[in-house]
PDB file of N, CA and C in Angstrom:
ATOM      1  N   PRO A   1      92.099 126.486 115.405  1.00  0.00           N
ATOM      2  CA  PRO A   1      91.860 127.457 114.341  1.00  0.00           C
ATOM      3  C   PRO A   1      93.152 127.773 113.587  1.00  0.00           C
ATOM      4  N   LEU A   2      92.994 128.148 112.338  1.00  0.00           N
ATOM      5  CA  LEU A   2      94.143 128.511 111.524  1.00  0.00           C
ATOM      6  C   LEU A   2      94.493 129.971 111.807  1.00  0.00           C
ATOM      7  N   SER A   3      95.754 130.219 112.127  1.00  0.00           N
ATOM      8  CA  SER A   3      96.125 131.580 112.494  1.00  0.00           C
ATOM      9  C   SER A   3      97.500 131.993 112.009  1.00  0.00           C
ATOM     10  N   SER A   4      98.331 131.046 111.657  1.00  0.00           N
ATOM     11  CA  SER A   4      99.701 131.355 111.284  1.00  0.00           C
ATOM     12  C   SER A   4     100.060 130.608 110.004  1.00  0.00           C
ATOM     13  N   ALA A   5     100.579 131.354 109.047  1.00  0.00           N
ATOM     14  CA  ALA A   5     100.961 130.728 107.781  1.00  0.00           C
ATOM     15  C   ALA A   5     101.981 129.613 107.997  1.00  0.00           C
ATOM     16  N   LYS A   6     102.826 129.775 109.024  1.00  0.00           N
ATOM     17  CA  LYS A   6     103.857 128.772 109.279  1.00  0.00           C
ATOM     18  C   LYS A   6     103.259 127.445 109.735  1.00  0.00           C
ATOM     19  N   THR A   7     102.187 127.489 110.511  1.00  0.00           N
ATOM     20  CA  THR A   7     101.613 126.258 111.048  1.00  0.00           C
ATOM     21  C   THR A   7     100.337 125.812 110.332  1.00  0.00           C
ATOM     22  N   ASP A   8      99.751 126.685 109.530  1.00  0.00           N
ATOM     23  CA  ASP A   8      98.492 126.351 108.876  1.00  0.00           C
ATOM     24  C   ASP A   8      98.611 125.132 107.970  1.00  0.00           C
ATOM     25  N   ARG A   9      99.649 125.071 107.180  1.00  0.00           N
ATOM     26  CA  ARG A   9      99.831 123.922 106.286  1.00  0.00           C
ATOM     27  C   ARG A   9      99.919 122.634 107.080  1.00  0.00           C
ATOM     28  N   GLN A  10     100.697 122.677 108.148  1.00  0.00           N
ATOM     29  CA  GLN A  10     100.873 121.488 108.977  1.00  0.00           C
ATOM     30  C   GLN A  10      99.547 121.043 109.567  1.00  0.00           C
ATOM     31  N   LYS A  11      98.749 121.962 110.070  1.00  0.00           N
ATOM     32  CA  LYS A  11      97.455 121.627 110.657  1.00  0.00           C
ATOM     33  C   LYS A  11      96.526 121.016 109.608  1.00  0.00           C
ATOM     34  N   LEU A  12      96.485 121.614 108.433  1.00  0.00           N
ATOM     35  CA  LEU A  12      95.623 121.099 107.369  1.00  0.00           C
ATOM     36  C   LEU A  12      96.076 119.721 106.892  1.00  0.00           C
ATOM     37  N   LEU A  13      97.371 119.555 106.723  1.00  0.00           N
ATOM     38  CA  LEU A  13      97.888 118.259 106.289  1.00  0.00           C
ATOM     39  C   LEU A  13      97.592 117.168 107.313  1.00  0.00           C
ATOM     40  N   THR A  14      97.747 117.498 108.582  1.00  0.00           N
ATOM     41  CA  THR A  14      97.461 116.522 109.642  1.00  0.00           C
ATOM     42  C   THR A  14      95.985 116.135 109.621  1.00  0.00           C
ATOM     43  N   TYR A  15      95.117 117.110 109.440  1.00  0.00           N
ATOM     44  CA  TYR A  15      93.682 116.831 109.362  1.00  0.00           C
ATOM     45  C   TYR A  15      93.376 115.936 108.159  1.00  0.00           C
ATOM     46  N   ILE A  16      93.914 116.291 107.010  1.00  0.00           N
ATOM     47  CA  ILE A  16      93.680 115.502 105.792  1.00  0.00           C
ATOM     48  C   ILE A  16      94.193 114.080 105.985  1.00  0.00           C
ATOM     49  N   LEU A  17      95.372 113.957 106.555  1.00  0.00           N
ATOM     50  CA  LEU A  17      95.959 112.633 106.769  1.00  0.00           C
ATOM     51  C   LEU A  17      95.065 111.782 107.658  1.00  0.00           C
ATOM     52  N   GLN A  18      94.593 112.347 108.751  1.00  0.00           N
ATOM     53  CA  GLN A  18      93.721 111.602 109.656  1.00  0.00           C
ATOM     54  C   GLN A  18      92.417 111.201 108.969  1.00  0.00           C
ATOM     55  N   HIS A  19      91.856 112.111 108.180  1.00  0.00           N
ATOM     56  CA  HIS A  19      90.601 111.824 107.492  1.00  0.00           C
ATOM     57  C   HIS A  19      90.789 110.752 106.417  1.00  0.00           C
ATOM     58  N   PHE A  20      91.814 110.895 105.600  1.00  0.00           N
ATOM     59  CA  PHE A  20      92.021 109.972 104.489  1.00  0.00           C
ATOM     60  C   PHE A  20      92.473 108.598 104.944  1.00  0.00           C
ATOM     61  N   GLU A  21      93.182 108.517 106.039  1.00  0.00           N
ATOM     62  CA  GLU A  21      93.615 107.203 106.513  1.00  0.00           C
ATOM     63  C   GLU A  21      92.420 106.342 106.910  1.00  0.00           C
ATOM     64  N   SER A  22      91.286 106.981 107.187  1.00  0.00           N
ATOM     65  CA  SER A  22      90.090 106.226 107.567  1.00  0.00           C
ATOM     66  C   SER A  22      89.306 105.722 106.354  1.00  0.00           C
ATOM     67  N   ILE A  23      89.673 106.161 105.163  1.00  0.00           N
ATOM     68  CA  ILE A  23      88.987 105.733 103.953  1.00  0.00           C
ATOM     69  C   ILE A  23      89.469 104.339 103.565  1.00  0.00           C
ATOM     70  N   ASN A  24      88.535 103.466 103.262  1.00  0.00           N
ATOM     71  CA  ASN A  24      88.881 102.129 102.802  1.00  0.00           C
ATOM     72  C   ASN A  24      89.294 102.234 101.344  1.00  0.00           C
ATOM     73  N   THR A  25      90.586 102.171 101.070  1.00  0.00           N
ATOM     74  CA  THR A  25      91.079 102.390  99.710  1.00  0.00           C
ATOM     75  C   THR A  25      90.665 101.286  98.747  1.00  0.00           C
ATOM     76  N   LYS A  26      90.355 100.110  99.240  1.00  0.00           N
ATOM     77  CA  LYS A  26      89.971  99.018  98.345  1.00  0.00           C
ATOM     78  C   LYS A  26      88.526  99.149  97.861  1.00  0.00           C
ATOM     79  N   GLU A  27      87.693  99.829  98.636  1.00  0.00           N
ATOM     80  CA  GLU A  27      86.289  99.972  98.265  1.00  0.00           C
ATOM     81  C   GLU A  27      85.936 101.427  97.962  1.00  0.00           C
ATOM     82  N   ASN A  28      86.904 102.141  97.489  1.00  0.00           N
ATOM     83  CA  ASN A  28      86.764 103.558  97.195  1.00  0.00           C
ATOM     84  C   ASN A  28      85.928 103.769  95.936  1.00  0.00           C
ATOM     85  N   ASP A  29      85.083 104.787  95.935  1.00  0.00           N
ATOM     86  CA  ASP A  29      84.313 105.049  94.727  1.00  0.00           C
ATOM     87  C   ASP A  29      84.981 106.134  93.879  1.00  0.00           C
ATOM     88  N   PHE A  30      84.552 106.264  92.638  1.00  0.00           N
ATOM     89  CA  PHE A  30      85.179 107.165  91.688  1.00  0.00           C
ATOM     90  C   PHE A  30      85.081 108.619  92.128  1.00  0.00           C
ATOM     91  N   LYS A  31      83.993 108.998  92.762  1.00  0.00           N
ATOM     92  CA  LYS A  31      83.824 110.378  93.225  1.00  0.00           C
ATOM     93  C   LYS A  31      84.931 110.750  94.207  1.00  0.00           C
ATOM     94  N   ASN A  32      85.221 109.880  95.148  1.00  0.00           N
ATOM     95  CA  ASN A  32      86.293 110.151  96.105  1.00  0.00           C
ATOM     96  C   ASN A  32      87.629 110.325  95.403  1.00  0.00           C
ATOM     97  N   LYS A  33      87.881 109.530  94.384  1.00  0.00           N
ATOM     98  CA  LYS A  33      89.144 109.633  93.656  1.00  0.00           C
ATOM     99  C   LYS A  33      89.270 110.990  92.980  1.00  0.00           C
ATOM    100  N   LEU A  34      88.183 111.486  92.409  1.00  0.00           N
ATOM    101  CA  LEU A  34      88.232 112.800  91.776  1.00  0.00           C
ATOM    102  C   LEU A  34      88.509 113.893  92.802  1.00  0.00           C
ATOM    103  N   GLU A  35      87.886 113.793  93.955  1.00  0.00           N
ATOM    104  CA  GLU A  35      88.109 114.779  95.006  1.00  0.00           C
ATOM    105  C   GLU A  35      89.549 114.727  95.500  1.00  0.00           C
ATOM    106  N   VAL A  36      90.082 113.549  95.670  1.00  0.00           N
ATOM    107  CA  VAL A  36      91.441 113.387  96.169  1.00  0.00           C
ATOM    108  C   VAL A  36      92.447 113.918  95.154  1.00  0.00           C
ATOM    109  N   GLU A  37      92.199 113.691  93.882  1.00  0.00           N
ATOM    110  CA  GLU A  37      93.126 114.128  92.840  1.00  0.00           C
ATOM    111  C   GLU A  37      93.285 115.649  92.832  1.00  0.00           C
ATOM    112  N   GLU A  38      92.294 116.366  93.329  1.00  0.00           N
ATOM    113  CA  GLU A  38      92.361 117.825  93.395  1.00  0.00           C
ATOM    114  C   GLU A  38      93.453 118.311  94.356  1.00  0.00           C
ATOM    115  N   LEU A  39      93.940 117.452  95.212  1.00  0.00           N
ATOM    116  CA  LEU A  39      94.953 117.834  96.203  1.00  0.00           C
ATOM    117  C   LEU A  39      96.384 117.782  95.671  1.00  0.00           C
ATOM    118  N   VAL A  40      96.582 117.223  94.506  1.00  0.00           N
ATOM    119  CA  VAL A  40      97.929 116.966  93.997  1.00  0.00           C
ATOM    120  C   VAL A  40      98.771 118.240  93.937  1.00  0.00           C
ATOM    121  N   ASP A  41      98.262 119.295  93.335  1.00  0.00           N
ATOM    122  CA  ASP A  41      99.046 120.531  93.210  1.00  0.00           C
ATOM    123  C   ASP A  41      99.400 121.115  94.580  1.00  0.00           C
ATOM    124  N   GLY A  42      98.453 121.115  95.488  1.00  0.00           N
ATOM    125  CA  GLY A  42      98.711 121.624  96.830  1.00  0.00           C
ATOM    126  C   GLY A  42      99.745 120.801  97.573  1.00  0.00           C
ATOM    127  N   LEU A  43      99.702 119.480  97.373  1.00  0.00           N
ATOM    128  CA  LEU A  43     100.682 118.621  98.019  1.00  0.00           C
ATOM    129  C   LEU A  43     102.086 118.862  97.469  1.00  0.00           C
ATOM    130  N   LEU A  44     102.178 119.108  96.176  1.00  0.00           N
ATOM    131  CA  LEU A  44     103.486 119.431  95.599  1.00  0.00           C
ATOM    132  C   LEU A  44     104.024 120.718  96.205  1.00  0.00           C
ATOM    133  N   SER A  45     103.154 121.672  96.426  1.00  0.00           N
ATOM    134  CA  SER A  45     103.560 122.915  97.074  1.00  0.00           C
ATOM    135  C   SER A  45     104.044 122.656  98.493  1.00  0.00           C
ATOM    136  N   CYS A  46     103.341 121.801  99.221  1.00  0.00           N
ATOM    137  CA  CYS A  46     103.736 121.470 100.595  1.00  0.00           C
ATOM    138  C   CYS A  46     105.068 120.727 100.632  1.00  0.00           C
ATOM    139  N   LEU A  47     105.350 119.920  99.622  1.00  0.00           N
ATOM    140  CA  LEU A  47     106.630 119.221  99.564  1.00  0.00           C
ATOM    141  C   LEU A  47     107.795 120.184  99.352  1.00  0.00           C
ATOM    142  N   GLN A  48     107.489 121.411  98.932  1.00  0.00           N
ATOM    143  CA  GLN A  48     108.504 122.435  98.731  1.00  0.00           C
ATOM    144  C   GLN A  48     108.655 123.354  99.941  1.00  0.00           C
ATOM    145  N   SER A  49     107.888 123.106 100.984  1.00  0.00           N
ATOM    146  CA  SER A  49     107.904 123.951 102.177  1.00  0.00           C
ATOM    147  C   SER A  49     109.290 123.992 102.813  1.00  0.00           C
ATOM    148  N   ARG A  50     109.595 125.103 103.436  1.00  0.00           N
ATOM    149  CA  ARG A  50     110.859 125.227 104.172  1.00  0.00           C
ATOM    150  C   ARG A  50     110.805 124.455 105.493  1.00  0.00           C
ATOM    151  N   ASP A  51     109.612 124.194 105.971  1.00  0.00           N
ATOM    152  CA  ASP A  51     109.425 123.507 107.246  1.00  0.00           C
ATOM    153  C   ASP A  51     109.518 121.996 107.040  1.00  0.00           C
ATOM    154  N   ALA A  52     110.465 121.368 107.707  1.00  0.00           N
ATOM    155  CA  ALA A  52     110.694 119.925 107.539  1.00  0.00           C
ATOM    156  C   ALA A  52     109.485 119.103 107.965  1.00  0.00           C
ATOM    157  N   GLN A  53     108.816 119.496 109.032  1.00  0.00           N
ATOM    158  CA  GLN A  53     107.652 118.746 109.507  1.00  0.00           C
ATOM    159  C   GLN A  53     106.520 118.802 108.480  1.00  0.00           C
ATOM    160  N   THR A  54     106.351 119.949 107.843  1.00  0.00           N
ATOM    161  CA  THR A  54     105.323 120.079 106.808  1.00  0.00           C
ATOM    162  C   THR A  54     105.644 119.158 105.636  1.00  0.00           C
ATOM    163  N   ARG A  55     106.903 119.130 105.223  1.00  0.00           N
ATOM    164  CA  ARG A  55     107.291 118.235 104.124  1.00  0.00           C
ATOM    165  C   ARG A  55     107.058 116.777 104.501  1.00  0.00           C
ATOM    166  N   LYS A  56     107.409 116.402 105.716  1.00  0.00           N
ATOM    167  CA  LYS A  56     107.245 115.025 106.180  1.00  0.00           C
ATOM    168  C   LYS A  56     105.769 114.623 106.196  1.00  0.00           C
ATOM    169  N   THR A  57     104.922 115.511 106.716  1.00  0.00           N
ATOM    170  CA  THR A  57     103.489 115.212 106.765  1.00  0.00           C
ATOM    171  C   THR A  57     102.900 115.183 105.357  1.00  0.00           C
ATOM    172  N   ALA A  58     103.344 116.102 104.503  1.00  0.00           N
ATOM    173  CA  ALA A  58     102.868 116.122 103.113  1.00  0.00           C
ATOM    174  C   ALA A  58     103.202 114.803 102.423  1.00  0.00           C
ATOM    175  N   LEU A  59     104.377 114.279 102.687  1.00  0.00           N
ATOM    176  CA  LEU A  59     104.773 113.011 102.072  1.00  0.00           C
ATOM    177  C   LEU A  59     103.872 111.872 102.541  1.00  0.00           C
ATOM    178  N   LYS A  60     103.504 111.885 103.814  1.00  0.00           N
ATOM    179  CA  LYS A  60     102.571 110.875 104.318  1.00  0.00           C
ATOM    180  C   LYS A  60     101.221 110.993 103.623  1.00  0.00           C
ATOM    181  N   VAL A  61     100.768 112.226 103.395  1.00  0.00           N
ATOM    182  CA  VAL A  61      99.495 112.434 102.700  1.00  0.00           C
ATOM    183  C   VAL A  61      99.617 111.959 101.254  1.00  0.00           C
ATOM    184  N   VAL A  62     100.752 112.223 100.613  1.00  0.00           N
ATOM    185  CA  VAL A  62     100.972 111.758  99.237  1.00  0.00           C
ATOM    186  C   VAL A  62     100.818 110.245  99.174  1.00  0.00           C
ATOM    187  N   ILE A  63     101.376 109.537 100.133  1.00  0.00           N
ATOM    188  CA  ILE A  63     101.276 108.070 100.154  1.00  0.00           C
ATOM    189  C   ILE A  63      99.819 107.640 100.219  1.00  0.00           C
ATOM    190  N   VAL A  64      99.056 108.263 101.097  1.00  0.00           N
ATOM    191  CA  VAL A  64      97.640 107.902 101.239  1.00  0.00           C
ATOM    192  C   VAL A  64      96.870 108.257  99.968  1.00  0.00           C
ATOM    193  N   VAL A  65      97.166 109.407  99.379  1.00  0.00           N
ATOM    194  CA  VAL A  65      96.495 109.816  98.137  1.00  0.00           C
ATOM    195  C   VAL A  65      96.799 108.818  97.023  1.00  0.00           C
ATOM    196  N   VAL A  66      98.049 108.398  96.912  1.00  0.00           N
ATOM    197  CA  VAL A  66      98.425 107.429  95.874  1.00  0.00           C
ATOM    198  C   VAL A  66      97.707 106.104  96.112  1.00  0.00           C
ATOM    199  N   LYS A  67      97.576 105.690  97.370  1.00  0.00           N
ATOM    200  CA  LYS A  67      96.838 104.453  97.665  1.00  0.00           C
ATOM    201  C   LYS A  67      95.368 104.590  97.271  1.00  0.00           C
ATOM    202  N   ILE A  68      94.760 105.739  97.549  1.00  0.00           N
ATOM    203  CA  ILE A  68      93.354 105.946  97.214  1.00  0.00           C
ATOM    204  C   ILE A  68      93.156 105.937  95.704  1.00  0.00           C
ATOM    205  N   LEU A  69      94.053 106.621  94.989  1.00  0.00           N
ATOM    206  CA  LEU A  69      93.928 106.691  93.530  1.00  0.00           C
ATOM    207  C   LEU A  69      94.353 105.397  92.858  1.00  0.00           C
ATOM    208  N   GLY A  70      95.177 104.632  93.528  1.00  0.00           N
ATOM    209  CA  GLY A  70      95.829 103.483  92.905  1.00  0.00           C
ATOM    210  C   GLY A  70      97.199 103.957  92.469  1.00  0.00           C
ATOM    211  N   VAL A  71      98.197 103.120  92.602  1.00  0.00           N
ATOM    212  CA  VAL A  71      99.574 103.548  92.353  1.00  0.00           C
ATOM    213  C   VAL A  71      99.739 104.105  90.942  1.00  0.00           C
ATOM    214  N   GLU A  72      99.189 103.423  89.961  1.00  0.00           N
ATOM    215  CA  GLU A  72      99.362 103.870  88.577  1.00  0.00           C
ATOM    216  C   GLU A  72      98.713 105.239  88.333  1.00  0.00           C
ATOM    217  N   GLN A  73      97.467 105.395  88.748  1.00  0.00           N
ATOM    218  CA  GLN A  73      96.764 106.659  88.553  1.00  0.00           C
ATOM    219  C   GLN A  73      97.378 107.763  89.424  1.00  0.00           C
ATOM    220  N   GLY A  74      97.781 107.415  90.639  1.00  0.00           N
ATOM    221  CA  GLY A  74      98.401 108.390  91.532  1.00  0.00           C
ATOM    222  C   GLY A  74      99.719 108.894  90.981  1.00  0.00           C
ATOM    223  N   GLU A  75     100.542 107.967  90.530  1.00  0.00           N
ATOM    224  CA  GLU A  75     101.824 108.345  89.942  1.00  0.00           C
ATOM    225  C   GLU A  75     101.611 109.225  88.711  1.00  0.00           C
ATOM    226  N   SER A  76     100.650 108.872  87.896  1.00  0.00           N
ATOM    227  CA  SER A  76     100.346 109.664  86.706  1.00  0.00           C
ATOM    228  C   SER A  76      99.892 111.084  87.071  1.00  0.00           C
ATOM    229  N   ALA A  77      99.036 111.200  88.078  1.00  0.00           N
ATOM    230  CA  ALA A  77      98.539 112.517  88.490  1.00  0.00           C
ATOM    231  C   ALA A  77      99.682 113.407  88.969  1.00  0.00           C
ATOM    232  N   PHE A  78     100.601 112.851  89.751  1.00  0.00           N
ATOM    233  CA  PHE A  78     101.723 113.645  90.240  1.00  0.00           C
ATOM    234  C   PHE A  78     102.703 113.978  89.121  1.00  0.00           C
ATOM    235  N   LYS A  79     102.937 113.042  88.202  1.00  0.00           N
ATOM    236  CA  LYS A  79     103.844 113.324  87.081  1.00  0.00           C
ATOM    237  C   LYS A  79     103.307 114.455  86.209  1.00  0.00           C
ATOM    238  N   ILE A  80     102.008 114.445  85.958  1.00  0.00           N
ATOM    239  CA  ILE A  80     101.401 115.518  85.154  1.00  0.00           C
ATOM    240  C   ILE A  80     101.551 116.857  85.870  1.00  0.00           C
ATOM    241  N   ALA A  81     101.294 116.863  87.174  1.00  0.00           N
ATOM    242  CA  ALA A  81     101.411 118.110  87.947  1.00  0.00           C
ATOM    243  C   ALA A  81     102.855 118.593  88.013  1.00  0.00           C
ATOM    244  N   CYS A  82     103.811 117.674  88.012  1.00  0.00           N
ATOM    245  CA  CYS A  82     105.222 118.052  88.085  1.00  0.00           C
ATOM    246  C   CYS A  82     105.717 118.736  86.811  1.00  0.00           C
ATOM    247  N   ARG A  83     105.000 118.579  85.732  1.00  0.00           N
ATOM    248  CA  ARG A  83     105.396 119.226  84.478  1.00  0.00           C
ATOM    249  C   ARG A  83     105.422 120.743  84.606  1.00  0.00           C
ATOM    250  N   ASP A  84     104.621 121.284  85.518  1.00  0.00           N
ATOM    251  CA  ASP A  84     104.543 122.732  85.695  1.00  0.00           C
ATOM    252  C   ASP A  84     105.605 123.272  86.655  1.00  0.00           C
ATOM    253  N   LEU A  85     106.377 122.382  87.253  1.00  0.00           N
ATOM    254  CA  LEU A  85     107.403 122.814  88.202  1.00  0.00           C
ATOM    255  C   LEU A  85     108.701 123.172  87.488  1.00  0.00           C
ATOM    256  N   LYS A  86     109.460 124.024  88.127  1.00  0.00           N
ATOM    257  CA  LYS A  86     110.785 124.353  87.604  1.00  0.00           C
ATOM    258  C   LYS A  86     111.654 123.100  87.696  1.00  0.00           C
ATOM    259  N   PRO A  87     112.588 122.936  86.757  1.00  0.00           N
ATOM    260  CA  PRO A  87     113.421 121.730  86.745  1.00  0.00           C
ATOM    261  C   PRO A  87     114.140 121.456  88.069  1.00  0.00           C
ATOM    262  N   ALA A  88     114.659 122.480  88.713  1.00  0.00           N
ATOM    263  CA  ALA A  88     115.371 122.277  89.983  1.00  0.00           C
ATOM    264  C   ALA A  88     114.423 121.757  91.068  1.00  0.00           C
ATOM    265  N   VAL A  89     113.217 122.282  91.097  1.00  0.00           N
ATOM    266  CA  VAL A  89     112.225 121.830  92.065  1.00  0.00           C
ATOM    267  C   VAL A  89     111.827 120.391  91.758  1.00  0.00           C
ATOM    268  N   ASN A  90     111.645 120.103  90.499  1.00  0.00           N
ATOM    269  CA  ASN A  90     111.277 118.754  90.072  1.00  0.00           C
ATOM    270  C   ASN A  90     112.348 117.743  90.483  1.00  0.00           C
ATOM    271  N   ARG A  91     113.619 118.115  90.337  1.00  0.00           N
ATOM    272  CA  ARG A  91     114.711 117.211  90.726  1.00  0.00           C
ATOM    273  C   ARG A  91     114.705 116.957  92.233  1.00  0.00           C
ATOM    274  N   THR A  92     114.288 117.942  93.007  1.00  0.00           N
ATOM    275  CA  THR A  92     114.243 117.801  94.465  1.00  0.00           C
ATOM    276  C   THR A  92     113.072 116.928  94.897  1.00  0.00           C
ATOM    277  N   ILE A  93     111.921 117.129  94.263  1.00  0.00           N
ATOM    278  CA  ILE A  93     110.702 116.432  94.663  1.00  0.00           C
ATOM    279  C   ILE A  93     110.622 115.018  94.105  1.00  0.00           C
ATOM    280  N   SER A  94     111.209 114.786  92.954  1.00  0.00           N
ATOM    281  CA  SER A  94     111.103 113.488  92.284  1.00  0.00           C
ATOM    282  C   SER A  94     111.502 112.303  93.168  1.00  0.00           C
ATOM    283  N   PRO A  95     112.628 112.348  93.882  1.00  0.00           N
ATOM    284  CA  PRO A  95     112.974 111.198  94.740  1.00  0.00           C
ATOM    285  C   PRO A  95     111.964 110.989  95.873  1.00  0.00           C
ATOM    286  N   LEU A  96     111.402 112.077  96.389  1.00  0.00           N
ATOM    287  CA  LEU A  96     110.387 111.966  97.438  1.00  0.00           C
ATOM    288  C   LEU A  96     109.153 111.252  96.907  1.00  0.00           C
ATOM    289  N   LEU A  97     108.738 111.649  95.714  1.00  0.00           N
ATOM    290  CA  LEU A  97     107.556 111.032  95.114  1.00  0.00           C
ATOM    291  C   LEU A  97     107.800 109.555  94.815  1.00  0.00           C
ATOM    292  N   LYS A  98     108.987 109.234  94.316  1.00  0.00           N
ATOM    293  CA  LYS A  98     109.299 107.833  94.027  1.00  0.00           C
ATOM    294  C   LYS A  98     109.239 106.987  95.292  1.00  0.00           C
ATOM    295  N   SER A  99     109.736 107.529  96.400  1.00  0.00           N
ATOM    296  CA  SER A  99     109.670 106.782  97.655  1.00  0.00           C
ATOM    297  C   SER A  99     108.216 106.646  98.115  1.00  0.00           C
ATOM    298  N   ALA A 100     107.403 107.654  97.839  1.00  0.00           N
ATOM    299  CA  ALA A 100     105.985 107.589  98.191  1.00  0.00           C
ATOM    300  C   ALA A 100     105.275 106.513  97.364  1.00  0.00           C
ATOM    301  N   TYR A 101     105.606 106.403  96.089  1.00  0.00           N
ATOM    302  CA  TYR A 101     104.993 105.374  95.236  1.00  0.00           C
ATOM    303  C   TYR A 101     105.354 103.985  95.754  1.00  0.00           C
ATOM    304  N   ARG A 102     106.623 103.812  96.147  1.00  0.00           N
ATOM    305  CA  ARG A 102     107.056 102.514  96.688  1.00  0.00           C
ATOM    306  C   ARG A 102     106.318 102.207  97.986  1.00  0.00           C
ATOM    307  N   ALA A 103     106.204 103.220  98.847  1.00  0.00           N
ATOM    308  CA  ALA A 103     105.522 103.013 100.126  1.00  0.00           C
ATOM    309  C   ALA A 103     104.041 102.712  99.922  1.00  0.00           C
ATOM    310  N   ALA A 104     103.427 103.346  98.942  1.00  0.00           N
ATOM    311  CA  ALA A 104     102.012 103.105  98.661  1.00  0.00           C
ATOM    312  C   ALA A 104     101.794 101.688  98.150  1.00  0.00           C
ATOM    313  N   SER A 105     102.800 101.140  97.511  1.00  0.00           N
ATOM    314  CA  SER A 105     102.705  99.770  96.997  1.00  0.00           C
ATOM    315  C   SER A 105     102.937  98.729  98.080  1.00  0.00           C
ATOM    316  N   ALA A 106     103.588  99.139  99.166  1.00  0.00           N
ATOM    317  CA  ALA A 106     103.924  98.212 100.246  1.00  0.00           C
ATOM    318  C   ALA A 106     102.709  97.959 101.135  1.00  0.00           C
ATOM    319  N   ASP A 107     102.812  96.934 101.969  1.00  0.00           N
ATOM    320  CA  ASP A 107     101.722  96.593 102.889  1.00  0.00           C
ATOM    321  C   ASP A 107     101.555  97.622 103.990  1.00  0.00           C
ATOM    322  N   ASP A 108     102.650  98.278 104.406  1.00  0.00           N
ATOM    323  CA  ASP A 108     102.592  99.224 105.518  1.00  0.00           C
ATOM    324  C   ASP A 108     103.061 100.596 105.047  1.00  0.00           C
ATOM    325  N   PRO A 109     102.231 101.326 104.287  1.00  0.00           N
ATOM    326  CA  PRO A 109     102.666 102.610 103.750  1.00  0.00           C
ATOM    327  C   PRO A 109     102.931 103.616 104.864  1.00  0.00           C
ATOM    328  N   GLY A 110     103.966 104.392 104.660  1.00  0.00           N
ATOM    329  CA  GLY A 110     104.266 105.450 105.595  1.00  0.00           C
ATOM    330  C   GLY A 110     105.128 105.053 106.772  1.00  0.00           C
ATOM    331  N   SER A 111     105.367 103.772 106.945  1.00  0.00           N
ATOM    332  CA  SER A 111     106.112 103.339 108.124  1.00  0.00           C
ATOM    333  C   SER A 111     107.536 103.893 108.123  1.00  0.00           C
ATOM    334  N   GLN A 112     108.107 104.075 106.937  1.00  0.00           N
ATOM    335  CA  GLN A 112     109.467 104.600 106.877  1.00  0.00           C
ATOM    336  C   GLN A 112     109.520 106.101 107.148  1.00  0.00           C
ATOM    337  N   PHE A 113     108.355 106.755 107.223  1.00  0.00           N
ATOM    338  CA  PHE A 113     108.330 108.199 107.429  1.00  0.00           C
ATOM    339  C   PHE A 113     107.851 108.574 108.818  1.00  0.00           C
ATOM    340  N   LYS A 114     107.632 107.619 109.692  1.00  0.00           N
ATOM    341  CA  LYS A 114     107.133 107.913 111.038  1.00  0.00           C
ATOM    342  C   LYS A 114     108.228 108.464 111.908  1.00  0.00           C
TER     343      LYS A 114
END
């Protein structure tokens, strides 16, 4: 159960990661992509967390989300969402997102974040 703001994000991200990793990204339908795209803003918030484990898990979820959406559409969704961030936050998150895009393009996404 969710009970602590400090651990709630981590629990939710872990659940999402486990659920989404089971989705066949090559045979994904458009409805799933729309649902997944709704997570972009929340994931950006998680990437700003003070908790390192939450940021690490959020990055793994970002990789899976980008794979589900397709690298081009995923990158576009995150870039649009980043427009609303403060410049300093954007500078911090941008390298993380770029590494996620590269990992999503690779055969073994997330392996560098384990």
